[in-house]
Amino acid sequence: MKFTLNTLGAPGWTLEDVARNARTYGYAGVDVRLIDGDVISLESVRANRDRLRALFQDADLPIAVLATSVKLATADPEVRRKTAEEMSEWVDLAAELGVPVIRVFGGMRPEGLDTDAAIQVVAEALAGIAPRAEQAGVAVGLETHDDFSSAATIARALADVPSRAVGAVWDMYHTARMGETPAEALSLVGDRLVNVHLKDARRNGDTLELCLLGEGDLPVKDALRLLKDRGYDDFVSVEWEKKWHPELPEPEVAFPHHITVLRSYLNTLGK
């Protein structure tokens, strides 16, 4: 497995800081969610194409994912049309930059759509982008998040989209929040897995509070074991939600700690 640093965890870093620190800490790639502290957009990625190429297109530190904010569940036909156009532009931009995956969300189920209808809308959007993604050589990953936090829900959407250019981004925090074990989540998404988000959290009543890896209750090591047993050898995003939770420890603390913990887990699994 190859661990990537997700820029969501470093809102105070420039892209140059990200590149320097990711290499120093020993990460194998970068997930671009923020550029210079701001959530990415088509415009900001295009405006920084030269910087992104210069900083991250070496084999030792590629961009693994463009972590977009695209949300697919909507009852409005015009919004669906615009969302499809935006997703197409993200696929083309990822292909231009040599990025293998774009992340999208199902989003929150809007008023007027029940669960079945929302899943159908998302599946239709993914089916619509699949031919373009196949041609571009880019995978579109639907993340376990929002009203699509359950791997079971993601699996239902993907069942109607057989294209291998469309798959799942497994965020184990959200599947755990939904009561799914790593084994259950992985059995549901099966071979449709295109990316993984790992983080840890402590249980506090009915909530999960984010914390440094190894200090919480999420079965991170078990998840890695299951991924290893399945032969998953692709990118795993080390996500740290400092952008949304400024009270969390600084990235200079979190990211070196996380890669050290993950390497120790892999060393143990190797034995």
C-alpha atoms as a PDB file:
ATOM      1  CA  MET A   1       0.000   0.000   0.000  1.00  0.00           C
ATOM      2  CA  LYS A   2       1.075   3.549  -0.734  1.00  0.00           C
ATOM      3  CA  PHE A   3       0.157   6.217   1.810  1.00  0.00           C
ATOM      4  CA  THR A   4      -0.714   9.682   0.577  1.00  0.00           C
ATOM      5  CA  LEU A   5      -0.917  12.976   2.422  1.00  0.00           C
ATOM      6  CA  ASN A   6      -4.298  14.664   2.027  1.00  0.00           C
ATOM      7  CA  THR A   7      -3.950  18.447   1.883  1.00  0.00           C
ATOM      8  CA  LEU A   8      -7.194  18.846   3.869  1.00  0.00           C
ATOM      9  CA  GLY A   9      -5.021  18.341   6.927  1.00  0.00           C
ATOM     10  CA  ALA A  10      -2.746  21.311   6.282  1.00  0.00           C
ATOM     11  CA  PRO A  11      -4.800  24.449   5.621  1.00  0.00           C
ATOM     12  CA  GLY A  12      -1.857  26.654   6.524  1.00  0.00           C
ATOM     13  CA  TRP A  13       0.545  25.105   4.012  1.00  0.00           C
ATOM     14  CA  THR A  14       1.294  26.267   0.497  1.00  0.00           C
ATOM     15  CA  LEU A  15       1.654  23.678  -2.243  1.00  0.00           C
ATOM     16  CA  GLU A  16       5.407  24.063  -1.848  1.00  0.00           C
ATOM     17  CA  ASP A  17       5.101  23.262   1.854  1.00  0.00           C
ATOM     18  CA  VAL A  18       3.005  20.200   1.025  1.00  0.00           C
ATOM     19  CA  ALA A  19       5.561  18.888  -1.453  1.00  0.00           C
ATOM     20  CA  ARG A  20       8.502  19.473   0.867  1.00  0.00           C
ATOM     21  CA  ASN A  21       6.877  18.036   3.975  1.00  0.00           C
ATOM     22  CA  ALA A  22       5.303  15.035   2.257  1.00  0.00           C
ATOM     23  CA  ARG A  23       8.731  14.024   0.956  1.00  0.00           C
ATOM     24  CA  THR A  24      10.376  14.675   4.322  1.00  0.00           C
ATOM     25  CA  TYR A  25       7.835  12.550   6.191  1.00  0.00           C
ATOM     26  CA  GLY A  26       7.992   9.757   3.617  1.00  0.00           C
ATOM     27  CA  TYR A  27       4.577   9.833   1.971  1.00  0.00           C
ATOM     28  CA  ALA A  28       4.222   8.211  -1.450  1.00  0.00           C
ATOM     29  CA  GLY A  29       1.843  10.768  -2.940  1.00  0.00           C
ATOM     30  CA  VAL A  30      -0.579  13.604  -2.304  1.00  0.00           C
ATOM     31  CA  ASP A  31      -4.356  13.953  -2.437  1.00  0.00           C
ATOM     32  CA  VAL A  32      -5.246  17.473  -3.505  1.00  0.00           C
ATOM     33  CA  ARG A  33      -8.251  18.756  -1.551  1.00  0.00           C
ATOM     34  CA  LEU A  34      -6.853  22.220  -0.743  1.00  0.00           C
ATOM     35  CA  ILE A  35      -4.556  24.504  -2.705  1.00  0.00           C
ATOM     36  CA  ASP A  36      -2.828  27.045  -0.466  1.00  0.00           C
ATOM     37  CA  GLY A  37      -5.509  26.445   2.170  1.00  0.00           C
ATOM     38  CA  ASP A  38      -8.564  26.835  -0.084  1.00  0.00           C
ATOM     39  CA  VAL A  39     -10.858  24.036  -1.239  1.00  0.00           C
ATOM     40  CA  ILE A  40     -10.053  23.175  -4.839  1.00  0.00           C
ATOM     41  CA  SER A  41     -12.198  24.231  -7.770  1.00  0.00           C
ATOM     42  CA  LEU A  42     -11.777  23.734 -11.493  1.00  0.00           C
ATOM     43  CA  GLU A  43     -10.536  27.308 -11.726  1.00  0.00           C
ATOM     44  CA  SER A  44      -7.948  27.002  -8.947  1.00  0.00           C
ATOM     45  CA  VAL A  45      -6.529  23.730 -10.270  1.00  0.00           C
ATOM     46  CA  ARG A  46      -6.289  25.157 -13.792  1.00  0.00           C
ATOM     47  CA  ALA A  47      -4.623  28.314 -12.477  1.00  0.00           C
ATOM     48  CA  ASN A  48      -2.019  26.189 -10.651  1.00  0.00           C
ATOM     49  CA  ARG A  49      -1.362  23.552 -13.318  1.00  0.00           C
ATOM     50  CA  ASP A  50       2.282  24.503 -13.737  1.00  0.00           C
ATOM     51  CA  ARG A  51       2.918  24.444  -9.981  1.00  0.00           C
ATOM     52  CA  LEU A  52       1.174  21.100  -9.599  1.00  0.00           C
ATOM     53  CA  ARG A  53       3.169  19.570 -12.437  1.00  0.00           C
ATOM     54  CA  ALA A  54       6.460  20.926 -11.117  1.00  0.00           C
ATOM     55  CA  LEU A  55       5.877  19.870  -7.515  1.00  0.00           C
ATOM     56  CA  PHE A  56       4.092  16.534  -7.778  1.00  0.00           C
ATOM     57  CA  GLN A  57       4.577  14.836 -11.102  1.00  0.00           C
ATOM     58  CA  ASP A  58       7.816  13.136 -10.164  1.00  0.00           C
ATOM     59  CA  ALA A  59       7.406   9.397  -9.689  1.00  0.00           C
ATOM     60  CA  ASP A  60       8.304   9.715  -6.016  1.00  0.00           C
ATOM     61  CA  LEU A  61       5.384  12.026  -5.161  1.00  0.00           C
ATOM     62  CA  PRO A  62       2.491  11.932  -7.637  1.00  0.00           C
ATOM     63  CA  ILE A  63      -0.963  13.398  -7.177  1.00  0.00           C
ATOM     64  CA  ALA A  64      -3.070  10.353  -6.363  1.00  0.00           C
ATOM     65  CA  VAL A  65      -6.505  11.994  -6.256  1.00  0.00           C
ATOM     66  CA  LEU A  66      -8.220  15.249  -7.122  1.00  0.00           C
ATOM     67  CA  ALA A  67     -10.648  15.397  -4.186  1.00  0.00           C
ATOM     68  CA  THR A  68     -13.500  17.384  -5.713  1.00  0.00           C
ATOM     69  CA  SER A  69     -16.617  18.728  -3.995  1.00  0.00           C
ATOM     70  CA  VAL A  70     -18.975  17.431  -6.682  1.00  0.00           C
ATOM     71  CA  LYS A  71     -22.282  16.183  -5.206  1.00  0.00           C
ATOM     72  CA  LEU A  72     -24.517  14.041  -7.389  1.00  0.00           C
ATOM     73  CA  ALA A  73     -27.837  13.622  -5.553  1.00  0.00           C
ATOM     74  CA  THR A  74     -30.218  16.312  -6.752  1.00  0.00           C
ATOM     75  CA  ALA A  75     -33.854  16.439  -7.828  1.00  0.00           C
ATOM     76  CA  ASP A  76     -33.330  19.425 -10.139  1.00  0.00           C
ATOM     77  CA  PRO A  77     -32.734  18.419 -13.797  1.00  0.00           C
ATOM     78  CA  GLU A  78     -30.806  21.626 -14.515  1.00  0.00           C
ATOM     79  CA  VAL A  79     -28.504  21.071 -11.550  1.00  0.00           C
ATOM     80  CA  ARG A  80     -27.992  17.497 -12.724  1.00  0.00           C
ATOM     81  CA  ARG A  81     -26.987  18.763 -16.157  1.00  0.00           C
ATOM     82  CA  LYS A  82     -24.515  21.285 -14.728  1.00  0.00           C
ATOM     83  CA  THR A  83     -23.105  18.690 -12.337  1.00  0.00           C
ATOM     84  CA  ALA A  84     -22.535  16.284 -15.237  1.00  0.00           C
ATOM     85  CA  GLU A  85     -20.695  19.019 -17.121  1.00  0.00           C
ATOM     86  CA  GLU A  86     -18.537  19.814 -14.116  1.00  0.00           C
ATOM     87  CA  MET A  87     -17.704  16.163 -13.545  1.00  0.00           C
ATOM     88  CA  SER A  88     -16.674  15.853 -17.197  1.00  0.00           C
ATOM     89  CA  GLU A  89     -14.363  18.833 -16.798  1.00  0.00           C
ATOM     90  CA  TRP A  90     -12.797  17.276 -13.706  1.00  0.00           C
ATOM     91  CA  VAL A  91     -12.163  14.032 -15.585  1.00  0.00           C
ATOM     92  CA  ASP A  92     -10.499  15.911 -18.442  1.00  0.00           C
ATOM     93  CA  LEU A  93      -8.399  17.970 -16.036  1.00  0.00           C
ATOM     94  CA  ALA A  94      -7.286  14.867 -14.142  1.00  0.00           C
ATOM     95  CA  ALA A  95      -6.269  13.234 -17.418  1.00  0.00           C
ATOM     96  CA  GLU A  96      -4.336  16.332 -18.414  1.00  0.00           C
ATOM     97  CA  LEU A  97      -2.435  16.280 -15.088  1.00  0.00           C
ATOM     98  CA  GLY A  98      -1.948  12.516 -15.064  1.00  0.00           C
ATOM     99  CA  VAL A  99      -4.076  12.029 -11.937  1.00  0.00           C
ATOM    100  CA  PRO A 100      -5.669   8.559 -11.806  1.00  0.00           C
ATOM    101  CA  VAL A 101      -8.733   9.271  -9.617  1.00  0.00           C
ATOM    102  CA  ILE A 102     -11.258  12.020  -8.977  1.00  0.00           C
ATOM    103  CA  ARG A 103     -13.374  11.796  -5.824  1.00  0.00           C
ATOM    104  CA  VAL A 104     -17.071  12.719  -5.874  1.00  0.00           C
ATOM    105  CA  PHE A 105     -19.854  12.639  -3.274  1.00  0.00           C
ATOM    106  CA  GLY A 106     -23.382  11.372  -3.410  1.00  0.00           C
ATOM    107  CA  GLY A 107     -24.183  14.212  -1.039  1.00  0.00           C
ATOM    108  CA  MET A 108     -27.195  14.715   1.194  1.00  0.00           C
ATOM    109  CA  ARG A 109     -30.491  13.382  -0.065  1.00  0.00           C
ATOM    110  CA  PRO A 110     -32.502  16.420  -1.198  1.00  0.00           C
ATOM    111  CA  GLU A 111     -36.118  17.070  -0.378  1.00  0.00           C
ATOM    112  CA  GLY A 112     -38.302  15.315  -2.900  1.00  0.00           C
ATOM    113  CA  LEU A 113     -36.085  12.248  -3.288  1.00  0.00           C
ATOM    114  CA  ASP A 114     -36.411   9.151  -1.131  1.00  0.00           C
ATOM    115  CA  THR A 115     -33.406   6.896  -0.633  1.00  0.00           C
ATOM    116  CA  ASP A 116     -34.126   4.686  -3.631  1.00  0.00           C
ATOM    117  CA  ALA A 117     -34.614   7.674  -5.913  1.00  0.00           C
ATOM    118  CA  ALA A 118     -31.427   9.356  -4.666  1.00  0.00           C
ATOM    119  CA  ILE A 119     -29.426   6.198  -5.327  1.00  0.00           C
ATOM    120  CA  GLN A 120     -30.907   6.018  -8.822  1.00  0.00           C
ATOM    121  CA  VAL A 121     -29.997   9.655  -9.550  1.00  0.00           C
ATOM    122  CA  VAL A 122     -26.422   9.063  -8.409  1.00  0.00           C
ATOM    123  CA  ALA A 123     -26.143   5.856 -10.428  1.00  0.00           C
ATOM    124  CA  GLU A 124     -27.400   7.624 -13.549  1.00  0.00           C
ATOM    125  CA  ALA A 125     -24.840  10.405 -13.085  1.00  0.00           C
ATOM    126  CA  LEU A 126     -22.040   7.865 -12.712  1.00  0.00           C
ATOM    127  CA  ALA A 127     -23.228   5.879 -15.719  1.00  0.00           C
ATOM    128  CA  GLY A 128     -23.238   9.098 -17.713  1.00  0.00           C
ATOM    129  CA  ILE A 129     -19.616   9.931 -16.907  1.00  0.00           C
ATOM    130  CA  ALA A 130     -18.319   6.360 -17.288  1.00  0.00           C
ATOM    131  CA  PRO A 131     -17.577   6.432 -21.064  1.00  0.00           C
ATOM    132  CA  ARG A 132     -15.650   9.689 -20.759  1.00  0.00           C
ATOM    133  CA  ALA A 133     -13.721   8.395 -17.732  1.00  0.00           C
ATOM    134  CA  GLU A 134     -12.879   5.166 -19.570  1.00  0.00           C
ATOM    135  CA  GLN A 135     -11.563   7.097 -22.553  1.00  0.00           C
ATOM    136  CA  ALA A 136      -9.538   9.431 -20.316  1.00  0.00           C
ATOM    137  CA  GLY A 137      -8.081   6.635 -18.195  1.00  0.00           C
ATOM    138  CA  VAL A 138      -9.406   8.250 -15.017  1.00  0.00           C
ATOM    139  CA  ALA A 139     -11.419   6.522 -12.284  1.00  0.00           C
ATOM    140  CA  VAL A 140     -14.377   8.301 -10.662  1.00  0.00           C
ATOM    141  CA  GLY A 141     -14.656   7.310  -7.005  1.00  0.00           C
ATOM    142  CA  LEU A 142     -17.901   7.724  -5.043  1.00  0.00           C
ATOM    143  CA  GLU A 143     -17.011   8.262  -1.378  1.00  0.00           C
ATOM    144  CA  THR A 144     -18.768   6.788   1.637  1.00  0.00           C
ATOM    145  CA  HIS A 145     -19.922  10.158   2.970  1.00  0.00           C
ATOM    146  CA  ASP A 146     -23.051  12.202   3.795  1.00  0.00           C
ATOM    147  CA  ASP A 147     -26.236  10.232   3.056  1.00  0.00           C
ATOM    148  CA  PHE A 148     -24.069   7.746   1.161  1.00  0.00           C
ATOM    149  CA  SER A 149     -21.874   6.968   4.176  1.00  0.00           C
ATOM    150  CA  SER A 150     -22.823   3.305   4.206  1.00  0.00           C
ATOM    151  CA  ALA A 151     -20.888   0.941   1.952  1.00  0.00           C
ATOM    152  CA  ALA A 152     -24.211  -0.803   1.372  1.00  0.00           C
ATOM    153  CA  THR A 153     -25.622   2.372  -0.174  1.00  0.00           C
ATOM    154  CA  ILE A 154     -22.527   2.901  -2.320  1.00  0.00           C
ATOM    155  CA  ALA A 155     -22.748  -0.714  -3.490  1.00  0.00           C
ATOM    156  CA  ARG A 156     -26.349  -0.216  -4.572  1.00  0.00           C
ATOM    157  CA  ALA A 157     -25.375   2.786  -6.696  1.00  0.00           C
ATOM    158  CA  LEU A 158     -22.413   0.988  -8.257  1.00  0.00           C
ATOM    159  CA  ALA A 159     -24.467  -2.113  -9.044  1.00  0.00           C
ATOM    160  CA  ASP A 160     -26.164  -0.178 -11.840  1.00  0.00           C
ATOM    161  CA  VAL A 161     -22.841   1.075 -13.266  1.00  0.00           C
ATOM    162  CA  PRO A 162     -20.743  -1.891 -14.424  1.00  0.00           C
ATOM    163  CA  SER A 163     -17.920   0.258 -15.814  1.00  0.00           C
ATOM    164  CA  ARG A 164     -14.581  -0.306 -14.092  1.00  0.00           C
ATOM    165  CA  ALA A 165     -13.918   3.426 -14.522  1.00  0.00           C
ATOM    166  CA  VAL A 166     -16.402   4.051 -11.698  1.00  0.00           C
ATOM    167  CA  GLY A 167     -15.791   2.783  -8.190  1.00  0.00           C
ATOM    168  CA  ALA A 168     -15.820   3.428  -4.461  1.00  0.00           C
ATOM    169  CA  VAL A 169     -13.702   5.579  -2.177  1.00  0.00           C
ATOM    170  CA  TRP A 170     -13.910   3.861   1.206  1.00  0.00           C
ATOM    171  CA  ASP A 171     -13.720   6.257   4.161  1.00  0.00           C
ATOM    172  CA  MET A 172     -13.659   3.848   7.084  1.00  0.00           C
ATOM    173  CA  TYR A 173     -14.655   6.557   9.571  1.00  0.00           C
ATOM    174  CA  HIS A 174     -18.047   6.942   7.924  1.00  0.00           C
ATOM    175  CA  THR A 175     -18.731   3.236   7.436  1.00  0.00           C
ATOM    176  CA  ALA A 176     -17.835   2.709  11.111  1.00  0.00           C
ATOM    177  CA  ARG A 177     -20.232   5.517  12.011  1.00  0.00           C
ATOM    178  CA  MET A 178     -22.914   3.624  10.095  1.00  0.00           C
ATOM    179  CA  GLY A 179     -22.178   0.445  12.063  1.00  0.00           C
ATOM    180  CA  GLU A 180     -20.323  -1.423   9.313  1.00  0.00           C
ATOM    181  CA  THR A 181     -17.137  -3.311  10.164  1.00  0.00           C
ATOM    182  CA  PRO A 182     -14.155  -3.109   7.798  1.00  0.00           C
ATOM    183  CA  ALA A 183     -14.887  -6.669   6.666  1.00  0.00           C
ATOM    184  CA  GLU A 184     -18.505  -5.807   5.913  1.00  0.00           C
ATOM    185  CA  ALA A 185     -17.590  -2.600   4.086  1.00  0.00           C
ATOM    186  CA  LEU A 186     -14.986  -4.295   1.926  1.00  0.00           C
ATOM    187  CA  SER A 187     -17.255  -7.205   1.111  1.00  0.00           C
ATOM    188  CA  LEU A 188     -19.871  -4.714  -0.073  1.00  0.00           C
ATOM    189  CA  VAL A 189     -17.612  -2.646  -2.342  1.00  0.00           C
ATOM    190  CA  GLY A 190     -15.651  -5.697  -3.450  1.00  0.00           C
ATOM    191  CA  ASP A 191     -13.360  -5.106  -6.393  1.00  0.00           C
ATOM    192  CA  ARG A 192     -14.812  -1.641  -7.049  1.00  0.00           C
ATOM    193  CA  LEU A 193     -12.411  -0.007  -4.575  1.00  0.00           C
ATOM    194  CA  VAL A 194     -10.386   2.818  -6.153  1.00  0.00           C
ATOM    195  CA  ASN A 195      -9.145   4.669  -3.056  1.00  0.00           C
ATOM    196  CA  VAL A 196      -9.185   4.460   0.742  1.00  0.00           C
ATOM    197  CA  HIS A 197      -9.378   7.137   3.445  1.00  0.00           C
ATOM    198  CA  LEU A 198      -7.972   6.206   6.846  1.00  0.00           C
ATOM    199  CA  LYS A 199      -8.364   8.140  10.080  1.00  0.00           C
ATOM    200  CA  ASP A 200      -8.971   7.363  13.734  1.00  0.00           C
ATOM    201  CA  ALA A 201     -11.598   8.505  16.222  1.00  0.00           C
ATOM    202  CA  ARG A 202     -12.673   7.961  19.819  1.00  0.00           C
ATOM    203  CA  ARG A 203     -16.197   6.910  20.681  1.00  0.00           C
ATOM    204  CA  ASN A 204     -18.008   9.406  22.884  1.00  0.00           C
ATOM    205  CA  GLY A 205     -21.515   8.136  23.407  1.00  0.00           C
ATOM    206  CA  ASP A 206     -23.139   8.045  19.994  1.00  0.00           C
ATOM    207  CA  THR A 207     -20.481  10.190  18.324  1.00  0.00           C
ATOM    208  CA  LEU A 208     -16.977   9.621  16.970  1.00  0.00           C
ATOM    209  CA  GLU A 209     -14.418  12.301  17.802  1.00  0.00           C
ATOM    210  CA  LEU A 210     -11.380  12.550  15.515  1.00  0.00           C
ATOM    211  CA  CYS A 211      -7.970  11.895  17.042  1.00  0.00           C
ATOM    212  CA  LEU A 212      -4.439  10.905  16.083  1.00  0.00           C
ATOM    213  CA  LEU A 213      -3.993   7.460  14.563  1.00  0.00           C
ATOM    214  CA  GLY A 214      -3.539   4.799  17.202  1.00  0.00           C
ATOM    215  CA  GLU A 215      -5.237   6.831  19.918  1.00  0.00           C
ATOM    216  CA  GLY A 216      -8.836   6.020  18.997  1.00  0.00           C
ATOM    217  CA  ASP A 217     -11.259   3.150  18.684  1.00  0.00           C
ATOM    218  CA  LEU A 218     -11.486   2.618  14.934  1.00  0.00           C
ATOM    219  CA  PRO A 219     -10.073  -0.727  13.687  1.00  0.00           C
ATOM    220  CA  VAL A 220      -7.461   0.840  11.418  1.00  0.00           C
ATOM    221  CA  LYS A 221      -5.009  -2.032  11.733  1.00  0.00           C
ATOM    222  CA  ASP A 222      -7.745  -4.547  10.948  1.00  0.00           C
ATOM    223  CA  ALA A 223      -8.683  -2.523   7.865  1.00  0.00           C
ATOM    224  CA  LEU A 224      -5.089  -2.574   6.653  1.00  0.00           C
ATOM    225  CA  ARG A 225      -4.895  -6.327   7.226  1.00  0.00           C
ATOM    226  CA  LEU A 226      -8.041  -6.880   5.182  1.00  0.00           C
ATOM    227  CA  LEU A 227      -6.748  -4.647   2.392  1.00  0.00           C
ATOM    228  CA  LYS A 228      -3.444  -6.511   2.388  1.00  0.00           C
ATOM    229  CA  ASP A 229      -5.203  -9.884   2.315  1.00  0.00           C
ATOM    230  CA  ARG A 230      -7.247  -8.695  -0.674  1.00  0.00           C
ATOM    231  CA  GLY A 231      -4.074  -7.698  -2.504  1.00  0.00           C
ATOM    232  CA  TYR A 232      -4.897  -3.992  -2.479  1.00  0.00           C
ATOM    233  CA  ASP A 233      -1.646  -2.240  -3.373  1.00  0.00           C
ATOM    234  CA  ASP A 234      -2.905   1.173  -4.395  1.00  0.00           C
ATOM    235  CA  PHE A 235      -3.103   4.554  -2.667  1.00  0.00           C
ATOM    236  CA  VAL A 236      -4.428   5.013   0.872  1.00  0.00           C
ATOM    237  CA  SER A 237      -5.184   8.601   1.842  1.00  0.00           C
ATOM    238  CA  VAL A 238      -4.128   9.634   5.331  1.00  0.00           C
ATOM    239  CA  GLU A 239      -6.881  12.135   6.013  1.00  0.00           C
ATOM    240  CA  TRP A 240      -6.655  14.740   8.764  1.00  0.00           C
ATOM    241  CA  GLU A 241      -9.583  17.160   8.915  1.00  0.00           C
ATOM    242  CA  LYS A 242      -7.703  20.174  10.225  1.00  0.00           C
ATOM    243  CA  LYS A 243      -9.476  22.455   7.726  1.00  0.00           C
ATOM    244  CA  TRP A 244     -12.866  21.654   9.264  1.00  0.00           C
ATOM    245  CA  HIS A 245     -11.630  21.122  12.845  1.00  0.00           C
ATOM    246  CA  PRO A 246      -8.991  23.750  13.691  1.00  0.00           C
ATOM    247  CA  GLU A 247      -8.803  22.457  17.257  1.00  0.00           C
ATOM    248  CA  LEU A 248      -7.026  19.300  16.048  1.00  0.00           C
ATOM    249  CA  PRO A 249      -3.222  19.018  16.429  1.00  0.00           C
ATOM    250  CA  GLU A 250      -1.128  20.756  13.795  1.00  0.00           C
ATOM    251  CA  PRO A 251      -0.192  18.909  10.586  1.00  0.00           C
ATOM    252  CA  GLU A 252       3.485  19.054  11.588  1.00  0.00           C
ATOM    253  CA  VAL A 253       2.473  16.808  14.505  1.00  0.00           C
ATOM    254  CA  ALA A 254      -0.184  14.670  12.862  1.00  0.00           C
ATOM    255  CA  PHE A 255       1.331  13.689   9.525  1.00  0.00           C
ATOM    256  CA  PRO A 256       4.712  12.383  10.749  1.00  0.00           C
ATOM    257  CA  HIS A 257       2.912  10.577  13.587  1.00  0.00           C
ATOM    258  CA  HIS A 258       0.438   8.953  11.193  1.00  0.00           C
ATOM    259  CA  ILE A 259       3.006   7.617   8.749  1.00  0.00           C
ATOM    260  CA  THR A 260       5.047   6.196  11.633  1.00  0.00           C
ATOM    261  CA  VAL A 261       1.999   4.417  13.070  1.00  0.00           C
ATOM    262  CA  LEU A 262       0.934   3.054   9.686  1.00  0.00           C
ATOM    263  CA  ARG A 263       4.406   1.709   8.922  1.00  0.00           C
ATOM    264  CA  SER A 264       4.462  -0.033  12.299  1.00  0.00           C
ATOM    265  CA  TYR A 265       1.084  -1.611  11.526  1.00  0.00           C
ATOM    266  CA  LEU A 266       2.304  -2.850   8.156  1.00  0.00           C
ATOM    267  CA  ASN A 267       5.503  -4.205   9.687  1.00  0.00           C
ATOM    268  CA  THR A 268       3.430  -6.156  12.204  1.00  0.00           C
ATOM    269  CA  LEU A 269       1.137  -7.492   9.492  1.00  0.00           C
ATOM    270  CA  GLY A 270       4.161  -8.541   7.462  1.00  0.00           C
ATOM    271  CA  LYS A 271       5.258 -10.782  10.302  1.00  0.00           C
END
